[in-house]
Amino acid sequence: MKSLMRRIDRFCIDHPKFGIRNLMLYIVIGSGLVWLFGKMDGNNILINALVFNGDAVFKKFQIWRLFTFVLVPTQDGFLFLISLYFYYFIGNTLERYWGSGKFTIYYFSGMVLNILYATIFWLATNVSISINTSYLNLSMFFAFATLFPEMQVLLFFIIPIKMKWLGIANAVIFALAIITSKFPINLLPIIAILNYFIFCGGWLLDYVKPSKVKQKQKTIDFKKAAKKYNKNQAKKPYTRKCEVCGRTDTDYPDLEFRFCSRCEGYHCFCIDHINSHVHFKN
């Protein structure tokens, strides 16, 4: 998982133009238009034509449903408007934190996994289910709560609460839904949010490290490590190199580099990855 994330980071660095900028803005606008036109359509013809449906996709070859299901509203009225704003805020924040390329990969991998979930369900039960953005939004919510656990939001616009507690509450509800459903169908929702575990598993493990429960840790001698690091760097054509993306101060003289105090050893990262890397452990 760590190796995969480093490859994704490297790909995004090597292809800076990859990705859809302001992806969530397009999703929100599209969802708003579908909701508006759906209100004018009393028979829900438009909604039914956009949702993912196994029979329609695989028997009638209505391929557009593989993409348009993300535009189908999951709520109505005031709750719909609130959810649009909330998930736009979450998605936009993740895009600014990860970059357009990485967020695009995250969102589209979530779409693929949701389609996989619905397809397996259809093949296993011969029942065609209509999927929407519920699990996509849940995976984004979990990612946001993992990366920004201390951020406070106003629950019901009144109660200040940290994202980590909302994340834990949603995780408990998600787990209970899995436990109370029939096996093995109850495991399928995990497939739908697998992109969260792929992208945020490293941060999640770091957050619940044994050190959090007062387990003994190794003491790092930074003076000794720095001396060894500088000795090794003297043999190289650069002074600083990011452990994630490989950029150096020679190739990018204006780029800021820092050293991580949470990694074991002496590891250098660029400003883009100092807060978003998987920590090195000996």
C-alpha atoms as a PDB file:
ATOM      1  CA  MET A   1       0.000   0.000   0.000  1.00  0.00           C
ATOM      2  CA  LYS A   2       2.813   2.416   0.865  1.00  0.00           C
ATOM      3  CA  SER A   3       4.624   1.491  -2.340  1.00  0.00           C
ATOM      4  CA  LEU A   4       1.457   2.079  -4.368  1.00  0.00           C
ATOM      5  CA  MET A   5       0.968   5.521  -2.843  1.00  0.00           C
ATOM      6  CA  ARG A   6       4.554   6.490  -3.623  1.00  0.00           C
ATOM      7  CA  ARG A   7       3.994   5.440  -7.231  1.00  0.00           C
ATOM      8  CA  ILE A   8       0.825   7.518  -7.415  1.00  0.00           C
ATOM      9  CA  ASP A   9       2.679  10.507  -5.948  1.00  0.00           C
ATOM     10  CA  ARG A  10       5.506  10.021  -8.437  1.00  0.00           C
ATOM     11  CA  PHE A  11       3.021   9.743 -11.334  1.00  0.00           C
ATOM     12  CA  CYS A  12       1.314  12.987 -10.304  1.00  0.00           C
ATOM     13  CA  ILE A  13       4.675  14.772 -10.068  1.00  0.00           C
ATOM     14  CA  ASP A  14       5.795  13.477 -13.470  1.00  0.00           C
ATOM     15  CA  HIS A  15       2.444  14.434 -15.034  1.00  0.00           C
ATOM     16  CA  PRO A  16       1.550  17.808 -13.483  1.00  0.00           C
ATOM     17  CA  LYS A  17      -1.222  18.451 -16.030  1.00  0.00           C
ATOM     18  CA  PHE A  18      -2.991  15.185 -15.211  1.00  0.00           C
ATOM     19  CA  GLY A  19      -6.288  15.484 -13.400  1.00  0.00           C
ATOM     20  CA  ILE A  20      -9.463  17.535 -13.548  1.00  0.00           C
ATOM     21  CA  ARG A  21      -9.157  20.830 -11.718  1.00  0.00           C
ATOM     22  CA  ASN A  22     -12.192  21.781  -9.624  1.00  0.00           C
ATOM     23  CA  LEU A  23     -13.649  18.313 -10.180  1.00  0.00           C
ATOM     24  CA  MET A  24     -16.108  18.648  -7.310  1.00  0.00           C
ATOM     25  CA  LEU A  25     -17.401  21.931  -8.731  1.00  0.00           C
ATOM     26  CA  TYR A  26     -18.426  20.136 -11.924  1.00  0.00           C
ATOM     27  CA  ILE A  27     -19.991  17.296  -9.921  1.00  0.00           C
ATOM     28  CA  VAL A  28     -21.937  19.747  -7.749  1.00  0.00           C
ATOM     29  CA  ILE A  29     -23.176  21.786 -10.728  1.00  0.00           C
ATOM     30  CA  GLY A  30     -24.180  18.607 -12.569  1.00  0.00           C
ATOM     31  CA  SER A  31     -26.010  17.260  -9.509  1.00  0.00           C
ATOM     32  CA  GLY A  32     -27.789  20.576  -9.048  1.00  0.00           C
ATOM     33  CA  LEU A  33     -28.989  20.604 -12.649  1.00  0.00           C
ATOM     34  CA  VAL A  34     -30.166  16.988 -12.461  1.00  0.00           C
ATOM     35  CA  TRP A  35     -32.041  17.766  -9.227  1.00  0.00           C
ATOM     36  CA  LEU A  36     -33.619  20.871 -10.795  1.00  0.00           C
ATOM     37  CA  PHE A  37     -34.732  19.099 -13.976  1.00  0.00           C
ATOM     38  CA  GLY A  38     -35.856  16.132 -11.895  1.00  0.00           C
ATOM     39  CA  LYS A  39     -38.232  18.439 -10.033  1.00  0.00           C
ATOM     40  CA  MET A  40     -39.840  19.326 -13.363  1.00  0.00           C
ATOM     41  CA  ASP A  41     -40.172  15.659 -14.259  1.00  0.00           C
ATOM     42  CA  GLY A  42     -42.870  14.073 -12.141  1.00  0.00           C
ATOM     43  CA  ASN A  43     -42.194  10.575 -13.510  1.00  0.00           C
ATOM     44  CA  ASN A  44     -38.447  10.604 -12.677  1.00  0.00           C
ATOM     45  CA  ILE A  45     -37.602   9.688 -16.272  1.00  0.00           C
ATOM     46  CA  LEU A  46     -34.323  11.640 -16.157  1.00  0.00           C
ATOM     47  CA  ILE A  47     -33.206  10.151 -12.824  1.00  0.00           C
ATOM     48  CA  ASN A  48     -34.027   6.617 -13.956  1.00  0.00           C
ATOM     49  CA  ALA A  49     -32.027   7.166 -17.142  1.00  0.00           C
ATOM     50  CA  LEU A  50     -28.898   8.259 -15.240  1.00  0.00           C
ATOM     51  CA  VAL A  51     -28.616   5.800 -12.339  1.00  0.00           C
ATOM     52  CA  PHE A  52     -26.384   2.746 -12.603  1.00  0.00           C
ATOM     53  CA  ASN A  53     -28.427  -0.351 -13.372  1.00  0.00           C
ATOM     54  CA  GLY A  54     -26.839  -3.731 -14.069  1.00  0.00           C
ATOM     55  CA  ASP A  55     -29.530  -4.917 -16.481  1.00  0.00           C
ATOM     56  CA  ALA A  56     -29.482  -1.638 -18.399  1.00  0.00           C
ATOM     57  CA  VAL A  57     -25.672  -1.514 -18.645  1.00  0.00           C
ATOM     58  CA  PHE A  58     -24.843  -5.134 -19.426  1.00  0.00           C
ATOM     59  CA  LYS A  59     -27.967  -6.221 -21.296  1.00  0.00           C
ATOM     60  CA  LYS A  60     -29.050  -3.026 -23.032  1.00  0.00           C
ATOM     61  CA  PHE A  61     -25.521  -1.528 -23.297  1.00  0.00           C
ATOM     62  CA  GLN A  62     -26.485   1.839 -21.826  1.00  0.00           C
ATOM     63  CA  ILE A  63     -22.840   2.639 -21.131  1.00  0.00           C
ATOM     64  CA  TRP A  64     -23.416   6.252 -20.071  1.00  0.00           C
ATOM     65  CA  ARG A  65     -24.813   4.971 -16.784  1.00  0.00           C
ATOM     66  CA  LEU A  66     -21.244   4.042 -15.763  1.00  0.00           C
ATOM     67  CA  PHE A  67     -20.533   7.775 -15.404  1.00  0.00           C
ATOM     68  CA  THR A  68     -23.821   9.592 -14.871  1.00  0.00           C
ATOM     69  CA  PHE A  69     -24.765   7.888 -11.599  1.00  0.00           C
ATOM     70  CA  VAL A  70     -22.515  10.351  -9.722  1.00  0.00           C
ATOM     71  CA  LEU A  71     -24.893  13.163 -10.727  1.00  0.00           C
ATOM     72  CA  VAL A  72     -27.982  11.560  -9.199  1.00  0.00           C
ATOM     73  CA  PRO A  73     -29.008  13.371  -5.961  1.00  0.00           C
ATOM     74  CA  THR A  74     -29.118  11.268  -2.805  1.00  0.00           C
ATOM     75  CA  GLN A  75     -31.261  13.739  -0.828  1.00  0.00           C
ATOM     76  CA  ASP A  76     -33.936  16.304  -1.498  1.00  0.00           C
ATOM     77  CA  GLY A  77     -34.824  19.830  -0.509  1.00  0.00           C
ATOM     78  CA  PHE A  78     -32.747  21.664   2.074  1.00  0.00           C
ATOM     79  CA  LEU A  79     -30.740  18.548   2.990  1.00  0.00           C
ATOM     80  CA  PHE A  80     -29.688  18.228  -0.647  1.00  0.00           C
ATOM     81  CA  LEU A  81     -28.347  21.792  -0.707  1.00  0.00           C
ATOM     82  CA  ILE A  82     -26.485  21.244   2.568  1.00  0.00           C
ATOM     83  CA  SER A  83     -24.944  18.001   1.307  1.00  0.00           C
ATOM     84  CA  LEU A  84     -23.880  19.699  -1.943  1.00  0.00           C
ATOM     85  CA  TYR A  85     -22.042  22.414  -0.026  1.00  0.00           C
ATOM     86  CA  PHE A  86     -20.545  20.003   2.511  1.00  0.00           C
ATOM     87  CA  TYR A  87     -19.140  17.543  -0.021  1.00  0.00           C
ATOM     88  CA  TYR A  88     -17.959  20.356  -2.277  1.00  0.00           C
ATOM     89  CA  PHE A  89     -16.029  21.725   0.712  1.00  0.00           C
ATOM     90  CA  ILE A  90     -14.584  18.285   1.510  1.00  0.00           C
ATOM     91  CA  GLY A  91     -13.679  17.495  -2.103  1.00  0.00           C
ATOM     92  CA  ASN A  92     -12.184  20.921  -2.751  1.00  0.00           C
ATOM     93  CA  THR A  93     -10.095  20.702   0.434  1.00  0.00           C
ATOM     94  CA  LEU A  94      -8.798  17.244  -0.509  1.00  0.00           C
ATOM     95  CA  GLU A  95      -7.925  18.505  -4.003  1.00  0.00           C
ATOM     96  CA  ARG A  96      -5.935  21.428  -2.581  1.00  0.00           C
ATOM     97  CA  TYR A  97      -4.188  19.107  -0.118  1.00  0.00           C
ATOM     98  CA  TRP A  98      -3.390  16.268  -2.546  1.00  0.00           C
ATOM     99  CA  GLY A  99      -3.363  18.114  -5.858  1.00  0.00           C
ATOM    100  CA  SER A 100      -5.775  17.748  -8.784  1.00  0.00           C
ATOM    101  CA  GLY A 101      -4.117  14.614 -10.147  1.00  0.00           C
ATOM    102  CA  LYS A 102      -4.203  12.612  -6.934  1.00  0.00           C
ATOM    103  CA  PHE A 103      -7.734  13.689  -6.052  1.00  0.00           C
ATOM    104  CA  THR A 104      -8.939  12.786  -9.552  1.00  0.00           C
ATOM    105  CA  ILE A 105      -7.424   9.313  -9.158  1.00  0.00           C
ATOM    106  CA  TYR A 106      -9.084   8.994  -5.742  1.00  0.00           C
ATOM    107  CA  TYR A 107     -12.527   9.997  -6.994  1.00  0.00           C
ATOM    108  CA  PHE A 108     -12.492   7.945 -10.194  1.00  0.00           C
ATOM    109  CA  SER A 109     -11.094   4.889  -8.408  1.00  0.00           C
ATOM    110  CA  GLY A 110     -14.050   5.262  -6.045  1.00  0.00           C
ATOM    111  CA  MET A 111     -16.396   5.316  -9.036  1.00  0.00           C
ATOM    112  CA  VAL A 112     -14.809   2.141 -10.432  1.00  0.00           C
ATOM    113  CA  LEU A 113     -15.059   0.395  -7.065  1.00  0.00           C
ATOM    114  CA  ASN A 114     -18.724   1.365  -6.708  1.00  0.00           C
ATOM    115  CA  ILE A 115     -19.428  -0.050 -10.163  1.00  0.00           C
ATOM    116  CA  LEU A 116     -17.533  -3.201  -9.182  1.00  0.00           C
ATOM    117  CA  TYR A 117     -19.606  -3.447  -5.994  1.00  0.00           C
ATOM    118  CA  ALA A 118     -22.898  -3.154  -7.912  1.00  0.00           C
ATOM    119  CA  THR A 119     -21.731  -5.572 -10.614  1.00  0.00           C
ATOM    120  CA  ILE A 120     -20.702  -8.266  -8.122  1.00  0.00           C
ATOM    121  CA  PHE A 121     -24.015  -7.814  -6.310  1.00  0.00           C
ATOM    122  CA  TRP A 122     -25.884  -8.170  -9.618  1.00  0.00           C
ATOM    123  CA  LEU A 123     -23.934 -11.294 -10.596  1.00  0.00           C
ATOM    124  CA  ALA A 124     -24.316 -12.878  -7.155  1.00  0.00           C
ATOM    125  CA  THR A 125     -28.011 -12.186  -6.599  1.00  0.00           C
ATOM    126  CA  ASN A 126     -29.353 -11.510 -10.104  1.00  0.00           C
ATOM    127  CA  VAL A 127     -30.808  -8.356  -8.588  1.00  0.00           C
ATOM    128  CA  SER A 128     -29.957  -5.051 -10.242  1.00  0.00           C
ATOM    129  CA  ILE A 129     -29.327  -2.324  -7.676  1.00  0.00           C
ATOM    130  CA  SER A 130     -29.218   1.387  -8.430  1.00  0.00           C
ATOM    131  CA  ILE A 131     -26.068   2.932  -6.979  1.00  0.00           C
ATOM    132  CA  ASN A 132     -25.455   6.613  -6.296  1.00  0.00           C
ATOM    133  CA  THR A 133     -22.782   8.709  -4.627  1.00  0.00           C
ATOM    134  CA  SER A 134     -23.492   7.497  -1.073  1.00  0.00           C
ATOM    135  CA  TYR A 135     -20.359   5.343  -0.801  1.00  0.00           C
ATOM    136  CA  LEU A 136     -18.305   7.813  -2.859  1.00  0.00           C
ATOM    137  CA  ASN A 137     -19.215  10.590  -0.454  1.00  0.00           C
ATOM    138  CA  LEU A 138     -18.558   8.305   2.505  1.00  0.00           C
ATOM    139  CA  SER A 139     -15.051   7.496   1.247  1.00  0.00           C
ATOM    140  CA  MET A 140     -14.343  11.229   0.811  1.00  0.00           C
ATOM    141  CA  PHE A 141     -15.699  11.922   4.289  1.00  0.00           C
ATOM    142  CA  PHE A 142     -13.484   9.234   5.844  1.00  0.00           C
ATOM    143  CA  ALA A 143     -10.438  10.600   3.976  1.00  0.00           C
ATOM    144  CA  PHE A 144     -11.165  14.129   5.193  1.00  0.00           C
ATOM    145  CA  ALA A 145     -11.675  12.986   8.793  1.00  0.00           C
ATOM    146  CA  THR A 146      -8.405  11.024   8.655  1.00  0.00           C
ATOM    147  CA  LEU A 147      -6.316  13.867   7.212  1.00  0.00           C
ATOM    148  CA  PHE A 148      -7.917  16.646   9.288  1.00  0.00           C
ATOM    149  CA  PRO A 149      -9.024  14.924  12.531  1.00  0.00           C
ATOM    150  CA  GLU A 150      -8.767  18.065  14.682  1.00  0.00           C
ATOM    151  CA  MET A 151     -10.771  20.339  12.374  1.00  0.00           C
ATOM    152  CA  GLN A 152     -14.004  21.543  13.958  1.00  0.00           C
ATOM    153  CA  VAL A 153     -17.322  21.799  12.136  1.00  0.00           C
ATOM    154  CA  LEU A 154     -20.736  22.895  13.374  1.00  0.00           C
ATOM    155  CA  LEU A 155     -23.089  19.928  13.614  1.00  0.00           C
ATOM    156  CA  PHE A 156     -26.602  21.128  12.715  1.00  0.00           C
ATOM    157  CA  PHE A 157     -24.958  24.612  12.466  1.00  0.00           C
ATOM    158  CA  ILE A 158     -24.910  24.730  16.279  1.00  0.00           C
ATOM    159  CA  ILE A 159     -22.763  22.061  17.936  1.00  0.00           C
ATOM    160  CA  PRO A 160     -18.969  22.353  17.430  1.00  0.00           C
ATOM    161  CA  ILE A 161     -17.462  18.912  16.943  1.00  0.00           C
ATOM    162  CA  LYS A 162     -14.137  17.625  15.658  1.00  0.00           C
ATOM    163  CA  MET A 163     -14.003  15.680  12.416  1.00  0.00           C
ATOM    164  CA  LYS A 164     -12.420  12.651  14.080  1.00  0.00           C
ATOM    165  CA  TRP A 165     -15.528  12.119  16.231  1.00  0.00           C
ATOM    166  CA  LEU A 166     -17.822  12.428  13.218  1.00  0.00           C
ATOM    167  CA  GLY A 167     -15.562  10.001  11.378  1.00  0.00           C
ATOM    168  CA  ILE A 168     -15.681   7.495  14.240  1.00  0.00           C
ATOM    169  CA  ALA A 169     -19.478   7.804  14.480  1.00  0.00           C
ATOM    170  CA  ASN A 170     -19.889   7.170  10.750  1.00  0.00           C
ATOM    171  CA  ALA A 171     -17.432   4.269  10.916  1.00  0.00           C
ATOM    172  CA  VAL A 172     -19.472   2.670  13.730  1.00  0.00           C
ATOM    173  CA  ILE A 173     -22.703   3.062  11.738  1.00  0.00           C
ATOM    174  CA  PHE A 174     -20.989   1.627   8.649  1.00  0.00           C
ATOM    175  CA  ALA A 175     -19.628  -1.324  10.656  1.00  0.00           C
ATOM    176  CA  LEU A 176     -23.023  -2.042  12.240  1.00  0.00           C
ATOM    177  CA  ALA A 177     -24.663  -2.035   8.806  1.00  0.00           C
ATOM    178  CA  ILE A 178     -22.125  -4.624   7.650  1.00  0.00           C
ATOM    179  CA  ILE A 179     -22.492  -6.782  10.769  1.00  0.00           C
ATOM    180  CA  THR A 180     -26.290  -6.827  10.627  1.00  0.00           C
ATOM    181  CA  SER A 181     -26.441  -7.724   6.907  1.00  0.00           C
ATOM    182  CA  LYS A 182     -26.206 -11.217   5.457  1.00  0.00           C
ATOM    183  CA  PHE A 183     -22.835 -12.752   4.596  1.00  0.00           C
ATOM    184  CA  PRO A 184     -21.158 -12.493   2.077  1.00  0.00           C
ATOM    185  CA  ILE A 185     -23.231  -9.639   0.599  1.00  0.00           C
ATOM    186  CA  ASN A 186     -22.461  -7.566   3.697  1.00  0.00           C
ATOM    187  CA  LEU A 187     -18.788  -7.392   2.660  1.00  0.00           C
ATOM    188  CA  LEU A 188     -19.537  -5.715  -0.656  1.00  0.00           C
ATOM    189  CA  PRO A 189     -19.800  -2.141   0.758  1.00  0.00           C
ATOM    190  CA  ILE A 190     -16.167  -2.476   1.861  1.00  0.00           C
ATOM    191  CA  ILE A 191     -15.242  -2.835  -1.820  1.00  0.00           C
ATOM    192  CA  ALA A 192     -17.065   0.425  -2.544  1.00  0.00           C
ATOM    193  CA  ILE A 193     -14.839   2.417  -0.140  1.00  0.00           C
ATOM    194  CA  LEU A 194     -11.630   0.473  -0.747  1.00  0.00           C
ATOM    195  CA  ASN A 195     -10.026   3.586  -2.260  1.00  0.00           C
ATOM    196  CA  TYR A 196     -10.098   5.126   1.235  1.00  0.00           C
ATOM    197  CA  PHE A 197      -8.052   2.268   2.691  1.00  0.00           C
ATOM    198  CA  ILE A 198      -5.602   2.428  -0.232  1.00  0.00           C
ATOM    199  CA  PHE A 199      -5.030   6.188  -0.007  1.00  0.00           C
ATOM    200  CA  CYS A 200      -5.370   6.772   3.733  1.00  0.00           C
ATOM    201  CA  GLY A 201      -4.355   3.459   5.261  1.00  0.00           C
ATOM    202  CA  GLY A 202      -0.849   4.772   5.996  1.00  0.00           C
ATOM    203  CA  TRP A 203      -2.135   7.865   7.815  1.00  0.00           C
ATOM    204  CA  LEU A 204      -4.709   5.785   9.660  1.00  0.00           C
ATOM    205  CA  LEU A 205      -2.061   3.349  10.901  1.00  0.00           C
ATOM    206  CA  ASP A 206       0.194   6.231  11.956  1.00  0.00           C
ATOM    207  CA  TYR A 207      -2.676   7.795  13.887  1.00  0.00           C
ATOM    208  CA  VAL A 208      -3.398   4.630  15.870  1.00  0.00           C
ATOM    209  CA  LYS A 209       0.245   3.621  16.310  1.00  0.00           C
ATOM    210  CA  PRO A 210       1.193   1.694  19.444  1.00  0.00           C
ATOM    211  CA  SER A 211       2.978   4.889  20.508  1.00  0.00           C
ATOM    212  CA  LYS A 212      -0.470   6.358  21.074  1.00  0.00           C
ATOM    213  CA  VAL A 213      -0.925   3.881  23.910  1.00  0.00           C
ATOM    214  CA  LYS A 214       2.434   4.626  25.497  1.00  0.00           C
ATOM    215  CA  GLN A 215       4.437   1.876  23.887  1.00  0.00           C
ATOM    216  CA  LYS A 216       8.204   2.212  24.179  1.00  0.00           C
ATOM    217  CA  GLN A 217       9.805   4.128  21.322  1.00  0.00           C
ATOM    218  CA  LYS A 218      13.333   4.347  20.040  1.00  0.00           C
ATOM    219  CA  THR A 219      15.271   7.536  20.751  1.00  0.00           C
ATOM    220  CA  ILE A 220      16.640   9.174  17.626  1.00  0.00           C
ATOM    221  CA  ASP A 221      20.056  10.828  17.873  1.00  0.00           C
ATOM    222  CA  PHE A 222      19.493  13.653  15.392  1.00  0.00           C
ATOM    223  CA  LYS A 223      23.032  15.027  15.685  1.00  0.00           C
ATOM    224  CA  LYS A 224      24.519  11.667  14.778  1.00  0.00           C
ATOM    225  CA  ALA A 225      21.928  11.095  12.054  1.00  0.00           C
ATOM    226  CA  ALA A 226      22.495  14.576  10.607  1.00  0.00           C
ATOM    227  CA  LYS A 227      26.268  14.059  10.529  1.00  0.00           C
ATOM    228  CA  LYS A 228      25.839  10.754   8.688  1.00  0.00           C
ATOM    229  CA  TYR A 229      23.290  12.301   6.330  1.00  0.00           C
ATOM    230  CA  ASN A 230      25.510  15.279   5.449  1.00  0.00           C
ATOM    231  CA  LYS A 231      28.469  12.949   4.869  1.00  0.00           C
ATOM    232  CA  ASN A 232      26.424  10.911   2.399  1.00  0.00           C
ATOM    233  CA  GLN A 233      25.017  14.015   0.734  1.00  0.00           C
ATOM    234  CA  ALA A 234      28.516  15.392   0.112  1.00  0.00           C
ATOM    235  CA  LYS A 235      29.008  12.595  -2.422  1.00  0.00           C
ATOM    236  CA  LYS A 236      25.851  13.535  -4.366  1.00  0.00           C
ATOM    237  CA  PRO A 237      25.223  16.363  -6.870  1.00  0.00           C
ATOM    238  CA  TYR A 238      22.445  17.771  -4.680  1.00  0.00           C
ATOM    239  CA  THR A 239      21.943  18.716  -1.031  1.00  0.00           C
ATOM    240  CA  ARG A 240      18.280  17.902  -0.482  1.00  0.00           C
ATOM    241  CA  LYS A 241      16.036  15.283  -2.133  1.00  0.00           C
ATOM    242  CA  CYS A 242      12.387  14.493  -1.378  1.00  0.00           C
ATOM    243  CA  GLU A 243      11.922  10.871  -0.303  1.00  0.00           C
ATOM    244  CA  VAL A 244       8.478  10.755  -1.985  1.00  0.00           C
ATOM    245  CA  CYS A 245       8.687  12.519  -5.338  1.00  0.00           C
ATOM    246  CA  GLY A 246      12.456  12.556  -5.836  1.00  0.00           C
ATOM    247  CA  ARG A 247      12.719  16.287  -6.550  1.00  0.00           C
ATOM    248  CA  THR A 248      16.029  17.859  -5.515  1.00  0.00           C
ATOM    249  CA  ASP A 249      17.183  21.335  -4.576  1.00  0.00           C
ATOM    250  CA  THR A 250      19.403  21.281  -7.674  1.00  0.00           C
ATOM    251  CA  ASP A 251      16.510  20.696 -10.083  1.00  0.00           C
ATOM    252  CA  TYR A 252      14.088  22.901  -8.120  1.00  0.00           C
ATOM    253  CA  PRO A 253      16.135  25.634  -6.388  1.00  0.00           C
ATOM    254  CA  ASP A 254      13.021  27.550  -5.259  1.00  0.00           C
ATOM    255  CA  LEU A 255      11.379  24.508  -3.672  1.00  0.00           C
ATOM    256  CA  GLU A 256      11.373  24.310   0.129  1.00  0.00           C
ATOM    257  CA  PHE A 257      12.675  21.125   1.787  1.00  0.00           C
ATOM    258  CA  ARG A 258      12.213  19.987   5.392  1.00  0.00           C
ATOM    259  CA  PHE A 259      13.115  17.033   7.612  1.00  0.00           C
ATOM    260  CA  CYS A 260      10.477  14.961   9.404  1.00  0.00           C
ATOM    261  CA  SER A 261      10.874  14.542  13.160  1.00  0.00           C
ATOM    262  CA  ARG A 262       8.381  11.670  13.263  1.00  0.00           C
ATOM    263  CA  CYS A 263      10.366   9.445  10.884  1.00  0.00           C
ATOM    264  CA  GLU A 264      13.043   7.195  12.337  1.00  0.00           C
ATOM    265  CA  GLY A 265      16.336   8.344  10.882  1.00  0.00           C
ATOM    266  CA  TYR A 266      16.994  11.500   8.909  1.00  0.00           C
ATOM    267  CA  HIS A 267      14.535  11.818   6.013  1.00  0.00           C
ATOM    268  CA  CYS A 268      14.025  14.838   3.799  1.00  0.00           C
ATOM    269  CA  PHE A 269      10.771  15.858   2.091  1.00  0.00           C
ATOM    270  CA  CYS A 270       9.642  18.713  -0.116  1.00  0.00           C
ATOM    271  CA  ILE A 271       7.012  21.128   1.175  1.00  0.00           C
ATOM    272  CA  ASP A 272       4.328  19.246  -0.796  1.00  0.00           C
ATOM    273  CA  HIS A 273       4.982  15.955   1.019  1.00  0.00           C
ATOM    274  CA  ILE A 274       6.276  16.916   4.475  1.00  0.00           C
ATOM    275  CA  ASN A 275       2.751  16.504   5.889  1.00  0.00           C
ATOM    276  CA  SER A 276       1.419  13.823   3.538  1.00  0.00           C
ATOM    277  CA  HIS A 277       3.985  11.007   3.552  1.00  0.00           C
ATOM    278  CA  VAL A 278       4.046   7.619   5.230  1.00  0.00           C
ATOM    279  CA  HIS A 279       6.530   7.805   8.118  1.00  0.00           C
ATOM    280  CA  PHE A 280       9.683   5.692   7.938  1.00  0.00           C
ATOM    281  CA  LYS A 281      10.110   3.142  10.703  1.00  0.00           C
ATOM    282  CA  ASN A 282      13.211   1.020  11.271  1.00  0.00           C
END
